[in-house]
Amino acid sequence: MNKTTPLYRLAHARTGDKGNRSNISVVAYHSEDYSLLLKELTEEKVKAHFGFRSPGVVKRYELPNLMALNFVIDDVLDGGVNLSLNLDSHGKSLSYWLLAMEVNADFY
């Protein structure tokens, strides 16, 4: 049986946006959790988690000295701030959505 936990128990996030691209950094609270982030937060899993927004390319950058991962997600912001009629479909709400993702924590 897999034990899962929401990502926000292991990390915090910071985000920004430019045009139709979101940039989300996920930073582990504790160094021992960074390996779990590497295993669980793949480009494919993050893209699937944002599937309802129909993202394009998801690129992951690893920042081991900061215990962080940075995700650049294309085509996820309904065209960007100037083209979207949605209220806050950008920015911080997307980082909160990523932090709600359930991750496998069998060895946690």
C-alpha atoms as a PDB file:
ATOM      1  CA  MET A   1       0.000   0.000   0.000  1.00  0.00           C
ATOM      2  CA  ASN A   2       1.393   3.389  -0.998  1.00  0.00           C
ATOM      3  CA  LYS A   3       1.514   6.108   1.603  1.00  0.00           C
ATOM      4  CA  THR A   4       0.994   9.561   0.120  1.00  0.00           C
ATOM      5  CA  THR A   5       1.273  13.066   1.495  1.00  0.00           C
ATOM      6  CA  PRO A   6       0.586  16.485  -0.007  1.00  0.00           C
ATOM      7  CA  LEU A   7       3.713  18.174  -1.305  1.00  0.00           C
ATOM      8  CA  TYR A   8       3.190  21.186   0.981  1.00  0.00           C
ATOM      9  CA  ARG A   9       4.239  19.029   3.948  1.00  0.00           C
ATOM     10  CA  LEU A  10       7.695  18.595   2.402  1.00  0.00           C
ATOM     11  CA  ALA A  11       8.316  21.855   0.564  1.00  0.00           C
ATOM     12  CA  HIS A  12       7.300  25.400  -0.159  1.00  0.00           C
ATOM     13  CA  ALA A  13       6.994  27.085  -3.543  1.00  0.00           C
ATOM     14  CA  ARG A  14       7.478  30.398  -5.259  1.00  0.00           C
ATOM     15  CA  THR A  15       6.202  31.326  -8.682  1.00  0.00           C
ATOM     16  CA  GLY A  16       6.298  33.931 -11.384  1.00  0.00           C
ATOM     17  CA  ASP A  17       4.882  34.322 -14.847  1.00  0.00           C
ATOM     18  CA  LYS A  18       5.863  35.895 -18.124  1.00  0.00           C
ATOM     19  CA  GLY A  19       3.449  35.840 -21.012  1.00  0.00           C
ATOM     20  CA  ASN A  20       1.955  32.363 -21.280  1.00  0.00           C
ATOM     21  CA  ARG A  21       4.731  30.698 -19.231  1.00  0.00           C
ATOM     22  CA  SER A  22       4.785  29.936 -15.507  1.00  0.00           C
ATOM     23  CA  ASN A  23       7.942  29.429 -13.506  1.00  0.00           C
ATOM     24  CA  ILE A  24       7.460  27.478 -10.252  1.00  0.00           C
ATOM     25  CA  SER A  25      10.255  26.725  -7.795  1.00  0.00           C
ATOM     26  CA  VAL A  26       9.727  23.991  -5.198  1.00  0.00           C
ATOM     27  CA  VAL A  27      12.114  24.076  -2.242  1.00  0.00           C
ATOM     28  CA  ALA A  28      12.426  21.241   0.285  1.00  0.00           C
ATOM     29  CA  TYR A  29      12.137  22.218   3.942  1.00  0.00           C
ATOM     30  CA  HIS A  30      14.734  19.589   4.906  1.00  0.00           C
ATOM     31  CA  SER A  31      17.729  18.339   2.938  1.00  0.00           C
ATOM     32  CA  GLU A  32      16.694  14.701   3.407  1.00  0.00           C
ATOM     33  CA  ASP A  33      13.474  15.390   1.476  1.00  0.00           C
ATOM     34  CA  TYR A  34      15.225  16.669  -1.654  1.00  0.00           C
ATOM     35  CA  SER A  35      15.753  13.112  -2.967  1.00  0.00           C
ATOM     36  CA  LEU A  36      12.014  12.473  -2.622  1.00  0.00           C
ATOM     37  CA  LEU A  37      11.291  15.617  -4.648  1.00  0.00           C
ATOM     38  CA  LEU A  38      13.709  14.423  -7.348  1.00  0.00           C
ATOM     39  CA  LYS A  39      11.932  11.081  -7.524  1.00  0.00           C
ATOM     40  CA  GLU A  40       8.332  12.273  -7.300  1.00  0.00           C
ATOM     41  CA  LEU A  41       8.303  15.596  -9.154  1.00  0.00           C
ATOM     42  CA  THR A  42       9.093  14.521 -12.682  1.00  0.00           C
ATOM     43  CA  GLU A  43       8.267  16.632 -15.711  1.00  0.00           C
ATOM     44  CA  GLU A  44       5.618  14.083 -16.685  1.00  0.00           C
ATOM     45  CA  LYS A  45       3.903  14.063 -13.278  1.00  0.00           C
ATOM     46  CA  VAL A  46       3.864  17.857 -13.043  1.00  0.00           C
ATOM     47  CA  LYS A  47       2.437  18.125 -16.569  1.00  0.00           C
ATOM     48  CA  ALA A  48      -0.270  15.593 -15.662  1.00  0.00           C
ATOM     49  CA  HIS A  49      -1.077  17.490 -12.451  1.00  0.00           C
ATOM     50  CA  PHE A  50      -1.680  20.636 -14.533  1.00  0.00           C
ATOM     51  CA  GLY A  51      -3.508  18.654 -17.229  1.00  0.00           C
ATOM     52  CA  PHE A  52      -6.738  20.588 -16.775  1.00  0.00           C
ATOM     53  CA  ARG A  53      -4.829  23.704 -17.982  1.00  0.00           C
ATOM     54  CA  SER A  54      -3.465  21.902 -21.095  1.00  0.00           C
ATOM     55  CA  PRO A  55       0.179  22.848 -20.560  1.00  0.00           C
ATOM     56  CA  GLY A  56       2.688  22.580 -23.381  1.00  0.00           C
ATOM     57  CA  VAL A  57       6.250  21.695 -22.495  1.00  0.00           C
ATOM     58  CA  VAL A  58       7.258  21.238 -18.842  1.00  0.00           C
ATOM     59  CA  LYS A  59      10.994  21.571 -18.173  1.00  0.00           C
ATOM     60  CA  ARG A  60      12.572  20.740 -14.792  1.00  0.00           C
ATOM     61  CA  TYR A  61      15.790  22.308 -13.557  1.00  0.00           C
ATOM     62  CA  GLU A  62      17.554  20.819 -10.539  1.00  0.00           C
ATOM     63  CA  LEU A  63      19.178  23.119  -7.973  1.00  0.00           C
ATOM     64  CA  PRO A  64      20.729  20.725  -5.428  1.00  0.00           C
ATOM     65  CA  ASN A  65      22.635  23.396  -3.484  1.00  0.00           C
ATOM     66  CA  LEU A  66      19.293  25.082  -2.770  1.00  0.00           C
ATOM     67  CA  MET A  67      17.399  21.779  -2.282  1.00  0.00           C
ATOM     68  CA  ALA A  68      15.088  23.037  -5.020  1.00  0.00           C
ATOM     69  CA  LEU A  69      13.529  22.179  -8.341  1.00  0.00           C
ATOM     70  CA  ASN A  70      12.454  24.827 -10.811  1.00  0.00           C
ATOM     71  CA  PHE A  71       9.692  24.056 -13.319  1.00  0.00           C
ATOM     72  CA  VAL A  72       9.080  26.132 -16.427  1.00  0.00           C
ATOM     73  CA  ILE A  73       5.612  25.348 -17.747  1.00  0.00           C
ATOM     74  CA  ASP A  74       4.636  26.634 -21.199  1.00  0.00           C
ATOM     75  CA  ASP A  75       1.115  27.455 -22.396  1.00  0.00           C
ATOM     76  CA  VAL A  76      -0.460  27.196 -18.945  1.00  0.00           C
ATOM     77  CA  LEU A  77      -1.664  30.777 -18.394  1.00  0.00           C
ATOM     78  CA  ASP A  78      -4.552  31.142 -20.861  1.00  0.00           C
ATOM     79  CA  GLY A  79      -2.396  33.354 -23.078  1.00  0.00           C
ATOM     80  CA  GLY A  80      -0.918  35.440 -20.262  1.00  0.00           C
ATOM     81  CA  VAL A  81      -2.115  38.271 -18.069  1.00  0.00           C
ATOM     82  CA  ASN A  82      -2.943  40.649 -20.928  1.00  0.00           C
ATOM     83  CA  LEU A  83      -4.842  38.070 -22.985  1.00  0.00           C
ATOM     84  CA  SER A  84      -6.769  36.230 -20.280  1.00  0.00           C
ATOM     85  CA  LEU A  85     -10.123  37.201 -18.837  1.00  0.00           C
ATOM     86  CA  ASN A  86      -9.624  34.841 -15.873  1.00  0.00           C
ATOM     87  CA  LEU A  87      -8.976  36.308 -12.460  1.00  0.00           C
ATOM     88  CA  ASP A  88      -5.626  35.081 -11.140  1.00  0.00           C
ATOM     89  CA  SER A  89      -5.185  32.106 -13.382  1.00  0.00           C
ATOM     90  CA  HIS A  90      -1.556  33.073 -13.052  1.00  0.00           C
ATOM     91  CA  GLY A  91       0.982  33.574 -10.326  1.00  0.00           C
ATOM     92  CA  LYS A  92       0.653  32.205  -6.847  1.00  0.00           C
ATOM     93  CA  SER A  93      -2.452  30.132  -7.441  1.00  0.00           C
ATOM     94  CA  LEU A  94      -0.474  27.746  -9.661  1.00  0.00           C
ATOM     95  CA  SER A  95       2.213  27.206  -7.023  1.00  0.00           C
ATOM     96  CA  TYR A  96      -0.490  26.408  -4.481  1.00  0.00           C
ATOM     97  CA  TRP A  97      -2.000  23.916  -6.917  1.00  0.00           C
ATOM     98  CA  LEU A  98       1.377  22.194  -7.294  1.00  0.00           C
ATOM     99  CA  LEU A  99       1.824  22.082  -3.501  1.00  0.00           C
ATOM    100  CA  ALA A 100      -1.515  20.244  -3.253  1.00  0.00           C
ATOM    101  CA  MET A 101      -0.119  17.398  -5.393  1.00  0.00           C
ATOM    102  CA  GLU A 102       0.015  14.065  -3.570  1.00  0.00           C
ATOM    103  CA  VAL A 103       3.446  12.456  -3.590  1.00  0.00           C
ATOM    104  CA  ASN A 104       4.450   8.910  -2.724  1.00  0.00           C
ATOM    105  CA  ALA A 105       6.021   8.971   0.735  1.00  0.00           C
ATOM    106  CA  ASP A 106       6.446   5.247   1.425  1.00  0.00           C
ATOM    107  CA  PHE A 107       9.905   5.777   2.851  1.00  0.00           C
ATOM    108  CA  TYR A 108       9.118   9.085   4.504  1.00  0.00           C
END
